[in-house]
C-alpha atoms as a PDB file:
ATOM      1  CA  MET A   1     -10.243 -17.178   3.381  1.00  0.00           C
ATOM      2  CA  LYS A   2     -11.280 -16.717  -0.225  1.00  0.00           C
ATOM      3  CA  ALA A   3      -8.869 -18.365  -2.650  1.00  0.00           C
ATOM      4  CA  LEU A   4      -8.326 -18.239  -6.409  1.00  0.00           C
ATOM      5  CA  VAL A   5      -6.389 -20.984  -8.232  1.00  0.00           C
ATOM      6  CA  ILE A   6      -4.408 -19.778 -11.274  1.00  0.00           C
ATOM      7  CA  ASP A   7      -2.729 -22.359 -13.499  1.00  0.00           C
ATOM      8  CA  ASP A   8      -2.815 -23.084 -17.228  1.00  0.00           C
ATOM      9  CA  SER A   9      -3.080 -26.824 -16.506  1.00  0.00           C
ATOM     10  CA  ARG A  10      -6.621 -28.022 -15.797  1.00  0.00           C
ATOM     11  CA  LEU A  11      -5.242 -31.157 -14.123  1.00  0.00           C
ATOM     12  CA  ALA A  12      -3.036 -29.058 -11.824  1.00  0.00           C
ATOM     13  CA  ARG A  13      -5.975 -26.812 -10.910  1.00  0.00           C
ATOM     14  CA  ASN A  14      -8.170 -29.809 -10.123  1.00  0.00           C
ATOM     15  CA  GLU A  15      -5.494 -31.466  -7.991  1.00  0.00           C
ATOM     16  CA  LEU A  16      -4.889 -28.300  -5.986  1.00  0.00           C
ATOM     17  CA  LYS A  17      -8.625 -27.760  -5.491  1.00  0.00           C
ATOM     18  CA  ARG A  18      -8.869 -31.350  -4.257  1.00  0.00           C
ATOM     19  CA  LEU A  19      -6.169 -30.687  -1.663  1.00  0.00           C
ATOM     20  CA  LEU A  20      -7.697 -27.369  -0.610  1.00  0.00           C
ATOM     21  CA  ALA A  21     -11.096 -28.976  -0.044  1.00  0.00           C
ATOM     22  CA  ASP A  22      -9.722 -30.478   3.179  1.00  0.00           C
ATOM     23  CA  PHE A  23      -8.997 -27.051   4.701  1.00  0.00           C
ATOM     24  CA  GLU A  24     -11.998 -25.588   6.489  1.00  0.00           C
ATOM     25  CA  ASN A  25     -10.590 -22.066   6.453  1.00  0.00           C
ATOM     26  CA  ILE A  26     -10.187 -22.009   2.647  1.00  0.00           C
ATOM     27  CA  VAL A  27     -13.010 -21.429   0.160  1.00  0.00           C
ATOM     28  CA  VAL A  28     -12.026 -21.664  -3.521  1.00  0.00           C
ATOM     29  CA  ILE A  29     -14.100 -18.940  -5.183  1.00  0.00           C
ATOM     30  CA  GLY A  30     -12.802 -19.533  -8.687  1.00  0.00           C
ATOM     31  CA  GLU A  31     -10.012 -20.552 -11.003  1.00  0.00           C
ATOM     32  CA  ALA A  32      -8.214 -19.101 -14.012  1.00  0.00           C
ATOM     33  CA  ALA A  33      -6.151 -20.614 -16.809  1.00  0.00           C
ATOM     34  CA  ASN A  34      -4.211 -17.465 -17.722  1.00  0.00           C
ATOM     35  CA  ALA A  35      -3.372 -13.954 -16.577  1.00  0.00           C
ATOM     36  CA  THR A  36      -6.260 -12.294 -18.430  1.00  0.00           C
ATOM     37  CA  GLU A  37      -8.849 -14.467 -16.698  1.00  0.00           C
ATOM     38  CA  ALA A  38      -7.044 -14.070 -13.378  1.00  0.00           C
ATOM     39  CA  ILE A  39      -6.980 -10.265 -13.520  1.00  0.00           C
ATOM     40  CA  GLU A  40     -10.733 -10.115 -14.132  1.00  0.00           C
ATOM     41  CA  LYS A  41     -11.517 -12.500 -11.278  1.00  0.00           C
ATOM     42  CA  ILE A  42      -9.115 -10.859  -8.829  1.00  0.00           C
ATOM     43  CA  GLU A  43     -10.687  -7.453  -9.480  1.00  0.00           C
ATOM     44  CA  GLU A  44     -14.201  -8.893  -9.183  1.00  0.00           C
ATOM     45  CA  PHE A  45     -13.857 -11.232  -6.194  1.00  0.00           C
ATOM     46  CA  LYS A  46     -10.942  -9.704  -4.218  1.00  0.00           C
ATOM     47  CA  PRO A  47      -9.581 -13.069  -2.984  1.00  0.00           C
ATOM     48  CA  ASP A  48      -7.552 -13.183   0.218  1.00  0.00           C
ATOM     49  CA  VAL A  49      -5.012 -15.526  -1.351  1.00  0.00           C
ATOM     50  CA  ILE A  50      -4.079 -16.702  -4.837  1.00  0.00           C
ATOM     51  CA  PHE A  51      -2.312 -19.944  -5.715  1.00  0.00           C
ATOM     52  CA  LEU A  52      -0.275 -18.879  -8.714  1.00  0.00           C
ATOM     53  CA  ASP A  53       1.614 -20.825 -11.364  1.00  0.00           C
ATOM     54  CA  ILE A  54       4.573 -19.017 -12.936  1.00  0.00           C
ATOM     55  CA  GLN A  55       4.943 -20.273 -16.504  1.00  0.00           C
ATOM     56  CA  MET A  56       1.672 -19.657 -18.369  1.00  0.00           C
ATOM     57  CA  PRO A  57       0.761 -18.594 -21.914  1.00  0.00           C
ATOM     58  CA  GLY A  58       0.822 -14.827 -22.389  1.00  0.00           C
ATOM     59  CA  LYS A  59       1.805 -13.102 -19.164  1.00  0.00           C
ATOM     60  CA  ASP A  60       3.653 -15.249 -16.633  1.00  0.00           C
ATOM     61  CA  GLY A  61       2.867 -15.179 -12.914  1.00  0.00           C
ATOM     62  CA  PHE A  62       5.262 -12.316 -12.181  1.00  0.00           C
ATOM     63  CA  GLU A  63       3.909 -10.175 -15.020  1.00  0.00           C
ATOM     64  CA  LEU A  64       0.412 -10.848 -13.731  1.00  0.00           C
ATOM     65  CA  LEU A  65       1.294  -9.473 -10.288  1.00  0.00           C
ATOM     66  CA  GLU A  66       2.856  -6.381 -11.853  1.00  0.00           C
ATOM     67  CA  THR A  67      -0.441  -5.464 -13.536  1.00  0.00           C
ATOM     68  CA  LEU A  68      -2.507  -5.582 -10.329  1.00  0.00           C
ATOM     69  CA  ASP A  69      -3.517  -2.684  -8.111  1.00  0.00           C
ATOM     70  CA  PHE A  70      -5.021  -5.011  -5.521  1.00  0.00           C
ATOM     71  CA  VAL A  71      -2.453  -7.753  -4.868  1.00  0.00           C
ATOM     72  CA  PRO A  72      -3.747 -10.674  -2.767  1.00  0.00           C
ATOM     73  CA  HIS A  73      -1.458 -12.764  -0.625  1.00  0.00           C
ATOM     74  CA  THR A  74       0.379 -15.007  -3.063  1.00  0.00           C
ATOM     75  CA  ILE A  75       1.462 -18.629  -2.804  1.00  0.00           C
ATOM     76  CA  PHE A  76       3.375 -19.747  -5.887  1.00  0.00           C
ATOM     77  CA  THR A  77       2.789 -23.309  -7.105  1.00  0.00           C
ATOM     78  CA  THR A  78       5.228 -24.325  -9.808  1.00  0.00           C
ATOM     79  CA  ALA A  79       7.265 -27.170 -11.267  1.00  0.00           C
ATOM     80  CA  TYR A  80      10.390 -25.006 -11.455  1.00  0.00           C
ATOM     81  CA  ASN A  81      12.659 -24.275  -8.496  1.00  0.00           C
ATOM     82  CA  GLU A  82      14.795 -21.602 -10.200  1.00  0.00           C
ATOM     83  CA  TYR A  83      12.238 -18.843  -9.580  1.00  0.00           C
ATOM     84  CA  ALA A  84      12.183 -19.110  -5.778  1.00  0.00           C
ATOM     85  CA  ILE A  85      14.364 -16.069  -5.035  1.00  0.00           C
ATOM     86  CA  LYS A  86      12.482 -13.915  -7.516  1.00  0.00           C
ATOM     87  CA  ALA A  87       9.161 -15.073  -6.047  1.00  0.00           C
ATOM     88  CA  PHE A  88      10.041 -13.734  -2.600  1.00  0.00           C
ATOM     89  CA  GLN A  89      11.071 -10.433  -4.172  1.00  0.00           C
ATOM     90  CA  TYR A  90       7.380 -10.214  -5.067  1.00  0.00           C
ATOM     91  CA  ASN A  91       6.474 -10.679  -1.375  1.00  0.00           C
ATOM     92  CA  ALA A  92       5.297 -14.261  -1.868  1.00  0.00           C
ATOM     93  CA  MET A  93       3.945 -15.932   1.257  1.00  0.00           C
ATOM     94  CA  ASP A  94       5.354 -19.276   0.097  1.00  0.00           C
ATOM     95  CA  TYR A  95       6.757 -21.179  -2.889  1.00  0.00           C
ATOM     96  CA  LEU A  96       5.462 -24.727  -3.359  1.00  0.00           C
ATOM     97  CA  MET A  97       6.827 -27.225  -5.837  1.00  0.00           C
ATOM     98  CA  LYS A  98       4.536 -29.488  -7.854  1.00  0.00           C
ATOM     99  CA  PRO A  99       3.286 -32.007  -7.039  1.00  0.00           C
ATOM    100  CA  VAL A 100       2.187 -29.980  -4.022  1.00  0.00           C
ATOM    101  CA  ASP A 101       2.877 -31.626  -0.666  1.00  0.00           C
ATOM    102  CA  LYS A 102      -0.150 -31.356   1.619  1.00  0.00           C
ATOM    103  CA  ASN A 103       1.902 -30.686   4.757  1.00  0.00           C
ATOM    104  CA  LEU A 104       3.774 -27.854   3.067  1.00  0.00           C
ATOM    105  CA  LEU A 105       0.469 -26.544   1.726  1.00  0.00           C
ATOM    106  CA  SER A 106      -0.934 -26.555   5.261  1.00  0.00           C
ATOM    107  CA  ALA A 107       2.049 -24.570   6.537  1.00  0.00           C
ATOM    108  CA  ALA A 108       1.660 -22.024   3.722  1.00  0.00           C
ATOM    109  CA  ILE A 109      -2.047 -21.562   4.463  1.00  0.00           C
ATOM    110  CA  SER A 110      -1.250 -21.048   8.156  1.00  0.00           C
ATOM    111  CA  LYS A 111       1.210 -18.283   7.218  1.00  0.00           C
ATOM    112  CA  VAL A 112      -1.470 -16.496   5.223  1.00  0.00           C
ATOM    113  CA  ALA A 113      -4.061 -16.884   7.983  1.00  0.00           C
ATOM    114  CA  THR A 114      -1.650 -15.428  10.557  1.00  0.00           C
ATOM    115  CA  LYS A 115      -0.817 -12.541   8.229  1.00  0.00           C
ATOM    116  CA  ILE A 116      -4.481 -11.717   7.646  1.00  0.00           C
ATOM    117  CA  ILE A 117      -5.200 -11.685  11.388  1.00  0.00           C
ATOM    118  CA  SER A 118      -2.248  -9.337  11.891  1.00  0.00           C
ATOM    119  CA  GLU A 119      -3.482  -7.021   9.137  1.00  0.00           C
ATOM    120  CA  LYS A 120      -6.972  -6.897  10.623  1.00  0.00           C
ATOM    121  CA  ASN A 121      -5.514  -5.927  13.983  1.00  0.00           C
ATOM    122  CA  ILE A 122      -3.579  -3.134  12.284  1.00  0.00           C
ATOM    123  CA  GLU A 123      -6.709  -1.931  10.491  1.00  0.00           C
ATOM    124  CA  ASN A 124      -8.419  -1.543  13.864  1.00  0.00           C
ATOM    125  CA  GLU A 125      -5.667   0.774  15.080  1.00  0.00           C
ATOM    126  CA  ASP A 126      -5.927   4.532  14.642  1.00  0.00           C
ATOM    127  CA  LYS A 127      -4.728   5.712  11.244  1.00  0.00           C
ATOM    128  CA  MET A 128      -1.667   7.920  11.036  1.00  0.00           C
ATOM    129  CA  THR A 129      -2.467  11.430   9.783  1.00  0.00           C
ATOM    130  CA  ILE A 130      -0.384  14.281   8.413  1.00  0.00           C
ATOM    131  CA  ASP A 131      -0.051  15.621  11.962  1.00  0.00           C
ATOM    132  CA  ASP A 132       1.807  12.503  13.114  1.00  0.00           C
ATOM    133  CA  GLN A 133       5.564  12.251  13.293  1.00  0.00           C
ATOM    134  CA  VAL A 134       7.440   9.052  12.427  1.00  0.00           C
ATOM    135  CA  PHE A 135      10.941   7.792  13.074  1.00  0.00           C
ATOM    136  CA  VAL A 136      12.823   6.759   9.934  1.00  0.00           C
ATOM    137  CA  LYS A 137      16.146   4.900   9.928  1.00  0.00           C
ATOM    138  CA  ASP A 138      18.158   4.018   6.842  1.00  0.00           C
ATOM    139  CA  GLY A 139      21.585   2.576   7.578  1.00  0.00           C
ATOM    140  CA  GLU A 140      23.349   4.933   9.986  1.00  0.00           C
ATOM    141  CA  LYS A 141      21.063   7.886   9.228  1.00  0.00           C
ATOM    142  CA  CYS A 142      17.930   8.701  11.257  1.00  0.00           C
ATOM    143  CA  TRP A 143      15.142  11.251  10.909  1.00  0.00           C
ATOM    144  CA  PHE A 144      11.995  12.339  12.738  1.00  0.00           C
ATOM    145  CA  VAL A 145       9.612  13.152   9.889  1.00  0.00           C
ATOM    146  CA  MET A 146       6.224  14.829   9.944  1.00  0.00           C
ATOM    147  CA  LEU A 147       3.924  12.913   7.605  1.00  0.00           C
ATOM    148  CA  LYS A 148       2.682  16.206   6.156  1.00  0.00           C
ATOM    149  CA  ASP A 149       6.200  16.595   4.707  1.00  0.00           C
ATOM    150  CA  VAL A 150       6.182  13.189   2.984  1.00  0.00           C
ATOM    151  CA  ARG A 151       5.025  13.640  -0.600  1.00  0.00           C
ATOM    152  CA  LEU A 152       5.446  10.085  -1.890  1.00  0.00           C
ATOM    153  CA  PHE A 153       5.950   6.456  -0.851  1.00  0.00           C
ATOM    154  CA  GLU A 154       7.422   4.222  -3.573  1.00  0.00           C
ATOM    155  CA  VAL A 155       8.257   0.523  -3.814  1.00  0.00           C
ATOM    156  CA  ASP A 156      11.943  -0.291  -4.175  1.00  0.00           C
ATOM    157  CA  GLY A 157      12.391  -4.071  -4.184  1.00  0.00           C
ATOM    158  CA  ASN A 158      11.388  -5.402  -0.766  1.00  0.00           C
ATOM    159  CA  TYR A 159      11.616  -1.909   0.718  1.00  0.00           C
ATOM    160  CA  THR A 160       9.655   1.324   0.445  1.00  0.00           C
ATOM    161  CA  LYS A 161      11.332   4.616  -0.396  1.00  0.00           C
ATOM    162  CA  ILE A 162      10.050   7.723   1.441  1.00  0.00           C
ATOM    163  CA  TYR A 163      10.306  11.088  -0.310  1.00  0.00           C
ATOM    164  CA  PHE A 164      10.587  14.179   1.925  1.00  0.00           C
ATOM    165  CA  GLU A 165      12.629  17.353   1.488  1.00  0.00           C
ATOM    166  CA  ASP A 166      15.679  16.204  -0.507  1.00  0.00           C
ATOM    167  CA  GLN A 167      15.791  12.798   1.203  1.00  0.00           C
ATOM    168  CA  LYS A 168      14.803   9.353  -0.114  1.00  0.00           C
ATOM    169  CA  PRO A 169      15.517   6.844   2.677  1.00  0.00           C
ATOM    170  CA  MET A 170      14.215   3.283   2.467  1.00  0.00           C
ATOM    171  CA  ILE A 171      12.369   1.360   5.168  1.00  0.00           C
ATOM    172  CA  PRO A 172      11.714  -2.418   5.400  1.00  0.00           C
ATOM    173  CA  ARG A 173       7.943  -2.081   5.045  1.00  0.00           C
ATOM    174  CA  THR A 174       5.708  -3.052   2.143  1.00  0.00           C
ATOM    175  CA  LEU A 175       3.393  -0.573   0.476  1.00  0.00           C
ATOM    176  CA  ASN A 176       0.437  -2.786   1.430  1.00  0.00           C
ATOM    177  CA  TYR A 177       1.365  -2.452   5.097  1.00  0.00           C
ATOM    178  CA  LEU A 178       1.751   1.321   4.854  1.00  0.00           C
ATOM    179  CA  GLU A 179      -1.613   1.579   3.140  1.00  0.00           C
ATOM    180  CA  THR A 180      -3.250  -0.007   6.192  1.00  0.00           C
ATOM    181  CA  ARG A 181      -1.541   2.460   8.557  1.00  0.00           C
ATOM    182  CA  LEU A 182      -1.996   5.742   6.678  1.00  0.00           C
ATOM    183  CA  ASP A 183      -5.105   7.929   6.627  1.00  0.00           C
ATOM    184  CA  PRO A 184      -6.821   7.198   3.258  1.00  0.00           C
ATOM    185  CA  LYS A 185      -8.274  10.719   3.177  1.00  0.00           C
ATOM    186  CA  THR A 186      -4.758  12.066   2.670  1.00  0.00           C
ATOM    187  CA  PHE A 187      -2.608   9.217   1.402  1.00  0.00           C
ATOM    188  CA  PHE A 188      -3.835   7.722  -1.870  1.00  0.00           C
ATOM    189  CA  ARG A 189      -2.658   4.463  -3.472  1.00  0.00           C
ATOM    190  CA  ALA A 190      -2.076   5.630  -7.039  1.00  0.00           C
ATOM    191  CA  ASN A 191      -0.848   2.314  -8.412  1.00  0.00           C
ATOM    192  CA  ARG A 192       0.944  -0.867  -7.357  1.00  0.00           C
ATOM    193  CA  GLN A 193       4.188   1.029  -6.809  1.00  0.00           C
ATOM    194  CA  GLN A 194       3.245   4.361  -5.229  1.00  0.00           C
ATOM    195  CA  ILE A 195       1.208   6.124  -2.527  1.00  0.00           C
ATOM    196  CA  VAL A 196       0.903   9.910  -2.852  1.00  0.00           C
ATOM    197  CA  ASN A 197       0.171  12.594  -0.279  1.00  0.00           C
ATOM    198  CA  LEU A 198      -2.849  14.430  -1.719  1.00  0.00           C
ATOM    199  CA  LYS A 199      -1.776  17.638   0.047  1.00  0.00           C
ATOM    200  CA  TRP A 200       1.186  17.749  -2.331  1.00  0.00           C
ATOM    201  CA  VAL A 201      -0.881  17.534  -5.525  1.00  0.00           C
ATOM    202  CA  GLU A 202      -0.272  20.539  -7.763  1.00  0.00           C
ATOM    203  CA  ARG A 203      -2.389  19.558 -10.761  1.00  0.00           C
ATOM    204  CA  ILE A 204      -4.070  16.608 -12.452  1.00  0.00           C
ATOM    205  CA  GLU A 205      -4.307  15.809 -16.164  1.00  0.00           C
ATOM    206  CA  PRO A 206      -6.221  13.174 -18.161  1.00  0.00           C
ATOM    207  CA  TRP A 207      -3.989  10.362 -19.358  1.00  0.00           C
ATOM    208  CA  PHE A 208      -4.365   7.183 -21.412  1.00  0.00           C
ATOM    209  CA  SER A 209      -7.556   5.079 -21.514  1.00  0.00           C
ATOM    210  CA  GLY A 210      -9.445   7.050 -18.900  1.00  0.00           C
ATOM    211  CA  SER A 211      -6.574   7.182 -16.427  1.00  0.00           C
ATOM    212  CA  ILE A 212      -5.055  10.324 -14.930  1.00  0.00           C
ATOM    213  CA  ARG A 213      -1.593  11.672 -14.202  1.00  0.00           C
ATOM    214  CA  ILE A 214      -0.887  13.480 -10.936  1.00  0.00           C
ATOM    215  CA  TYR A 215       1.746  16.207 -10.725  1.00  0.00           C
ATOM    216  CA  LEU A 216       3.149  16.737  -7.237  1.00  0.00           C
ATOM    217  CA  LYS A 217       4.931  19.865  -6.065  1.00  0.00           C
ATOM    218  CA  GLY A 218       8.615  19.472  -6.783  1.00  0.00           C
ATOM    219  CA  ASN A 219       8.170  18.247 -10.377  1.00  0.00           C
ATOM    220  CA  VAL A 220       7.154  14.688  -9.469  1.00  0.00           C
ATOM    221  CA  GLU A 221       4.848  12.875 -11.911  1.00  0.00           C
ATOM    222  CA  VAL A 222       2.731   9.875 -10.898  1.00  0.00           C
ATOM    223  CA  ASP A 223       0.684   7.817 -13.356  1.00  0.00           C
ATOM    224  CA  VAL A 224      -2.507   6.569 -11.720  1.00  0.00           C
ATOM    225  CA  SER A 225      -3.783   3.175 -12.855  1.00  0.00           C
ATOM    226  CA  ARG A 226      -7.162   3.012 -14.581  1.00  0.00           C
ATOM    227  CA  ARG A 227      -8.858   1.359 -11.633  1.00  0.00           C
ATOM    228  CA  GLN A 228      -7.399   3.804  -9.133  1.00  0.00           C
ATOM    229  CA  SER A 229      -8.158   6.749 -11.439  1.00  0.00           C
ATOM    230  CA  GLN A 230     -11.844   5.924 -11.144  1.00  0.00           C
ATOM    231  CA  ARG A 231     -11.506   5.613  -7.369  1.00  0.00           C
ATOM    232  CA  PHE A 232      -9.670   8.940  -7.240  1.00  0.00           C
ATOM    233  CA  LYS A 233     -12.469  10.683  -9.146  1.00  0.00           C
ATOM    234  CA  GLU A 234     -15.053   9.227  -6.769  1.00  0.00           C
ATOM    235  CA  LEU A 235     -12.975  10.191  -3.734  1.00  0.00           C
ATOM    236  CA  MET A 236     -12.468  13.779  -4.839  1.00  0.00           C
ATOM    237  CA  SER A 237     -16.028  14.437  -6.084  1.00  0.00           C
ATOM    238  CA  PHE A 238     -18.967  15.887  -4.145  1.00  0.00           C
END
């Protein structure tokens, strides 16, 4: 697994790298002292896992995650215990207190390894297309929904909201998981928060800094991130 260590303390980065050197399934491909450096290296190297401090100059660890389109598996490493609940709202794989205990670190790495194996198995399964029907349950309400009728998937805390007809039920699945299951020729990851059904696109307009805005039928507007805007143009071009 490729790992990136993100911490504003050089001593903390060195200590964590020392601990990680004993794990044969971890390769530290880089380090970053702040969010700006981290964003560049995450986009360039696509690490499988990041070890992320929370309190850093500029953007903190949570703000860093909010700026990413590609979000690696995240293990928080911090000296503060008051952020634990918030960390898991960001789908953290684990939350380790400094100084990092090696046994707890080992358990966290095992969680990530198991998750990656599971995701690879899912990727090898057939993708779900617009002709597939899915069962959706939200509380006491249930639906059988054709995917061609779903115009948008949107993050809502630890759940994902599904937009079809006049319904917006929530399911306990992450957007990252849904992205692995859905046909990428039809369902496009517009940004960290949303996946759109391209069959529902009504028009597209240029937006800020080279990005685009997608207008879906039904007066739904979706701002596409700069990185995904470029990918969208490549996907939709001859």
